[in-house]
Amino acid sequence: MFRRAFWFGAGAAAGVWATTKVNRKLRSLTPESLAAKAADQAVAAGYRLRDFALDVRAGMAQRESELNEALGLTAPVDPAPHHPELPARATPRTLPGGPRRGLGTTHPYDRNEDH
């Protein structure tokens, strides 16, 4: 008699456990749950990608400073080098005979075709 009660209790417990597991799995496969998981994974991937980019930038800066020291290039670099052979700024050209009526500009490529 006790043996039957034991196996009945064990079977009932196994049934409750299996039913609970199946219901959890079904809830985790709903569209809302899958969307939430995908969003969480996308956010986590974004954080990992940002951390990777920061690590790469730090490594690049460190390697650049090592190379500059090894080559003796410790002087600051001008961010906008000036080339004396090139004009600093192009000046607008005028058409022969001066500006034409209706164009509103002195350069043939500056006129606005929308008007």
C-alpha atoms as a PDB file:
ATOM      1  CA  MET A   1       0.000   0.000   0.000  1.00  0.00           C
ATOM      2  CA  PHE A   2       2.786   2.452   0.871  1.00  0.00           C
ATOM      3  CA  ARG A   3       4.563   1.525  -2.327  1.00  0.00           C
ATOM      4  CA  ARG A   4       1.537   2.496  -4.424  1.00  0.00           C
ATOM      5  CA  ALA A   5       1.140   5.792  -2.550  1.00  0.00           C
ATOM      6  CA  PHE A   6       4.832   6.534  -3.059  1.00  0.00           C
ATOM      7  CA  TRP A   7       4.656   5.933  -6.811  1.00  0.00           C
ATOM      8  CA  PHE A   8       1.402   7.875  -7.085  1.00  0.00           C
ATOM      9  CA  GLY A   9       3.024  10.864  -5.326  1.00  0.00           C
ATOM     10  CA  ALA A  10       6.169  10.572  -7.479  1.00  0.00           C
ATOM     11  CA  GLY A  11       4.054  10.466 -10.643  1.00  0.00           C
ATOM     12  CA  ALA A  12       1.989  13.458  -9.557  1.00  0.00           C
ATOM     13  CA  ALA A  13       5.133  15.443  -8.740  1.00  0.00           C
ATOM     14  CA  ALA A  14       6.680  14.524 -12.112  1.00  0.00           C
ATOM     15  CA  GLY A  15       3.473  15.574 -13.873  1.00  0.00           C
ATOM     16  CA  VAL A  16       3.400  18.946 -12.094  1.00  0.00           C
ATOM     17  CA  TRP A  17       7.087  19.492 -12.842  1.00  0.00           C
ATOM     18  CA  ALA A  18       6.677  18.579 -16.542  1.00  0.00           C
ATOM     19  CA  THR A  19       3.565  20.749 -16.901  1.00  0.00           C
ATOM     20  CA  THR A  20       5.366  23.707 -15.329  1.00  0.00           C
ATOM     21  CA  LYS A  21       8.367  23.289 -17.655  1.00  0.00           C
ATOM     22  CA  VAL A  22       6.164  23.015 -20.761  1.00  0.00           C
ATOM     23  CA  ASN A  23       4.143  26.105 -19.807  1.00  0.00           C
ATOM     24  CA  ARG A  24       7.339  28.139 -19.226  1.00  0.00           C
ATOM     25  CA  LYS A  25       8.699  27.057 -22.588  1.00  0.00           C
ATOM     26  CA  LEU A  26       5.438  27.957 -24.344  1.00  0.00           C
ATOM     27  CA  ARG A  27       5.422  31.395 -22.707  1.00  0.00           C
ATOM     28  CA  SER A  28       9.019  31.967 -23.790  1.00  0.00           C
ATOM     29  CA  LEU A  29       8.077  31.235 -27.415  1.00  0.00           C
ATOM     30  CA  THR A  30       5.329  33.836 -27.702  1.00  0.00           C
ATOM     31  CA  PRO A  31       5.978  36.663 -30.190  1.00  0.00           C
ATOM     32  CA  GLU A  32       6.185  39.266 -27.417  1.00  0.00           C
ATOM     33  CA  SER A  33       8.748  37.240 -25.506  1.00  0.00           C
ATOM     34  CA  LEU A  34      10.815  36.576 -28.625  1.00  0.00           C
ATOM     35  CA  ALA A  35      10.759  40.282 -29.508  1.00  0.00           C
ATOM     36  CA  ALA A  36      11.897  41.215 -26.011  1.00  0.00           C
ATOM     37  CA  LYS A  37      14.741  38.687 -26.176  1.00  0.00           C
ATOM     38  CA  ALA A  38      15.830  39.984 -29.584  1.00  0.00           C
ATOM     39  CA  ALA A  39      15.797  43.567 -28.332  1.00  0.00           C
ATOM     40  CA  ASP A  40      17.831  42.638 -25.261  1.00  0.00           C
ATOM     41  CA  GLN A  41      20.367  40.790 -27.391  1.00  0.00           C
ATOM     42  CA  ALA A  42      20.618  43.724 -29.809  1.00  0.00           C
ATOM     43  CA  VAL A  43      21.292  46.116 -26.934  1.00  0.00           C
ATOM     44  CA  ALA A  44      23.914  43.768 -25.499  1.00  0.00           C
ATOM     45  CA  ALA A  45      25.547  43.413 -28.925  1.00  0.00           C
ATOM     46  CA  GLY A  46      25.629  47.209 -29.246  1.00  0.00           C
ATOM     47  CA  TYR A  47      27.395  47.527 -25.904  1.00  0.00           C
ATOM     48  CA  ARG A  48      29.928  44.862 -26.895  1.00  0.00           C
ATOM     49  CA  LEU A  49      30.528  46.590 -30.235  1.00  0.00           C
ATOM     50  CA  ARG A  50      31.017  49.970 -28.526  1.00  0.00           C
ATOM     51  CA  ASP A  51      33.473  48.442 -26.053  1.00  0.00           C
ATOM     52  CA  PHE A  52      35.355  46.814 -28.923  1.00  0.00           C
ATOM     53  CA  ALA A  53      35.552  50.115 -30.818  1.00  0.00           C
ATOM     54  CA  LEU A  54      36.853  51.900 -27.717  1.00  0.00           C
ATOM     55  CA  ASP A  55      39.488  49.192 -27.223  1.00  0.00           C
ATOM     56  CA  VAL A  56      40.559  49.480 -30.859  1.00  0.00           C
ATOM     57  CA  ARG A  57      40.829  53.275 -30.624  1.00  0.00           C
ATOM     58  CA  ALA A  58      42.876  53.041 -27.448  1.00  0.00           C
ATOM     59  CA  GLY A  59      45.177  50.494 -29.059  1.00  0.00           C
ATOM     60  CA  MET A  60      45.546  52.651 -32.151  1.00  0.00           C
ATOM     61  CA  ALA A  61      46.469  55.701 -30.097  1.00  0.00           C
ATOM     62  CA  GLN A  62      48.973  53.714 -28.057  1.00  0.00           C
ATOM     63  CA  ARG A  63      50.576  52.196 -31.164  1.00  0.00           C
ATOM     64  CA  GLU A  64      50.678  55.584 -32.880  1.00  0.00           C
ATOM     65  CA  SER A  65      52.489  57.118 -29.932  1.00  0.00           C
ATOM     66  CA  GLU A  66      54.933  54.172 -29.889  1.00  0.00           C
ATOM     67  CA  LEU A  67      55.646  54.628 -33.592  1.00  0.00           C
ATOM     68  CA  ASN A  68      56.033  58.390 -33.220  1.00  0.00           C
ATOM     69  CA  GLU A  69      58.544  57.884 -30.417  1.00  0.00           C
ATOM     70  CA  ALA A  70      60.428  55.231 -32.391  1.00  0.00           C
ATOM     71  CA  LEU A  71      60.627  57.465 -35.472  1.00  0.00           C
ATOM     72  CA  GLY A  72      61.333  60.654 -33.532  1.00  0.00           C
ATOM     73  CA  LEU A  73      58.118  62.334 -34.636  1.00  0.00           C
ATOM     74  CA  THR A  74      57.148  63.881 -31.334  1.00  0.00           C
ATOM     75  CA  ALA A  75      56.428  67.381 -32.733  1.00  0.00           C
ATOM     76  CA  PRO A  76      52.714  68.297 -32.946  1.00  0.00           C
ATOM     77  CA  VAL A  77      51.176  67.907 -36.376  1.00  0.00           C
ATOM     78  CA  ASP A  78      49.334  70.804 -38.021  1.00  0.00           C
ATOM     79  CA  PRO A  79      45.758  69.601 -38.619  1.00  0.00           C
ATOM     80  CA  ALA A  80      45.400  71.636 -41.859  1.00  0.00           C
ATOM     81  CA  PRO A  81      48.709  71.732 -43.705  1.00  0.00           C
ATOM     82  CA  HIS A  82      49.173  74.629 -46.122  1.00  0.00           C
ATOM     83  CA  HIS A  83      50.555  73.845 -49.548  1.00  0.00           C
ATOM     84  CA  PRO A  84      52.175  76.965 -51.015  1.00  0.00           C
ATOM     85  CA  GLU A  85      51.821  75.686 -54.586  1.00  0.00           C
ATOM     86  CA  LEU A  86      48.021  75.489 -54.248  1.00  0.00           C
ATOM     87  CA  PRO A  87      45.842  78.571 -53.798  1.00  0.00           C
ATOM     88  CA  ALA A  88      44.348  78.857 -50.351  1.00  0.00           C
ATOM     89  CA  ARG A  89      40.877  79.577 -51.724  1.00  0.00           C
ATOM     90  CA  ALA A  90      39.524  79.691 -55.241  1.00  0.00           C
ATOM     91  CA  THR A  91      38.066  83.041 -56.263  1.00  0.00           C
ATOM     92  CA  PRO A  92      34.859  83.158 -58.315  1.00  0.00           C
ATOM     93  CA  ARG A  93      35.337  83.813 -62.011  1.00  0.00           C
ATOM     94  CA  THR A  94      33.339  86.328 -63.976  1.00  0.00           C
ATOM     95  CA  LEU A  95      31.958  85.828 -67.434  1.00  0.00           C
ATOM     96  CA  PRO A  96      33.421  87.920 -70.216  1.00  0.00           C
ATOM     97  CA  GLY A  97      31.410  91.110 -70.472  1.00  0.00           C
ATOM     98  CA  GLY A  98      30.340  91.109 -66.826  1.00  0.00           C
ATOM     99  CA  PRO A  99      27.331  89.529 -65.184  1.00  0.00           C
ATOM    100  CA  ARG A 100      24.395  88.741 -67.409  1.00  0.00           C
ATOM    101  CA  ARG A 101      20.905  89.798 -66.740  1.00  0.00           C
ATOM    102  CA  GLY A 102      18.705  87.185 -65.059  1.00  0.00           C
ATOM    103  CA  LEU A 103      21.516  84.930 -63.868  1.00  0.00           C
ATOM    104  CA  GLY A 104      22.067  86.734 -60.583  1.00  0.00           C
ATOM    105  CA  THR A 105      25.656  85.479 -60.308  1.00  0.00           C
ATOM    106  CA  THR A 106      28.992  85.937 -61.999  1.00  0.00           C
ATOM    107  CA  HIS A 107      29.911  82.258 -62.287  1.00  0.00           C
ATOM    108  CA  PRO A 108      28.189  80.037 -64.886  1.00  0.00           C
ATOM    109  CA  TYR A 109      27.957  77.024 -62.581  1.00  0.00           C
ATOM    110  CA  ASP A 110      26.483  78.946 -59.643  1.00  0.00           C
ATOM    111  CA  ARG A 111      23.183  79.787 -61.247  1.00  0.00           C
ATOM    112  CA  ASN A 112      20.063  78.267 -59.792  1.00  0.00           C
ATOM    113  CA  GLU A 113      17.941  76.468 -62.389  1.00  0.00           C
ATOM    114  CA  ASP A 114      14.911  76.202 -60.080  1.00  0.00           C
ATOM    115  CA  HIS A 115      13.684  79.792 -60.602  1.00  0.00           C
END
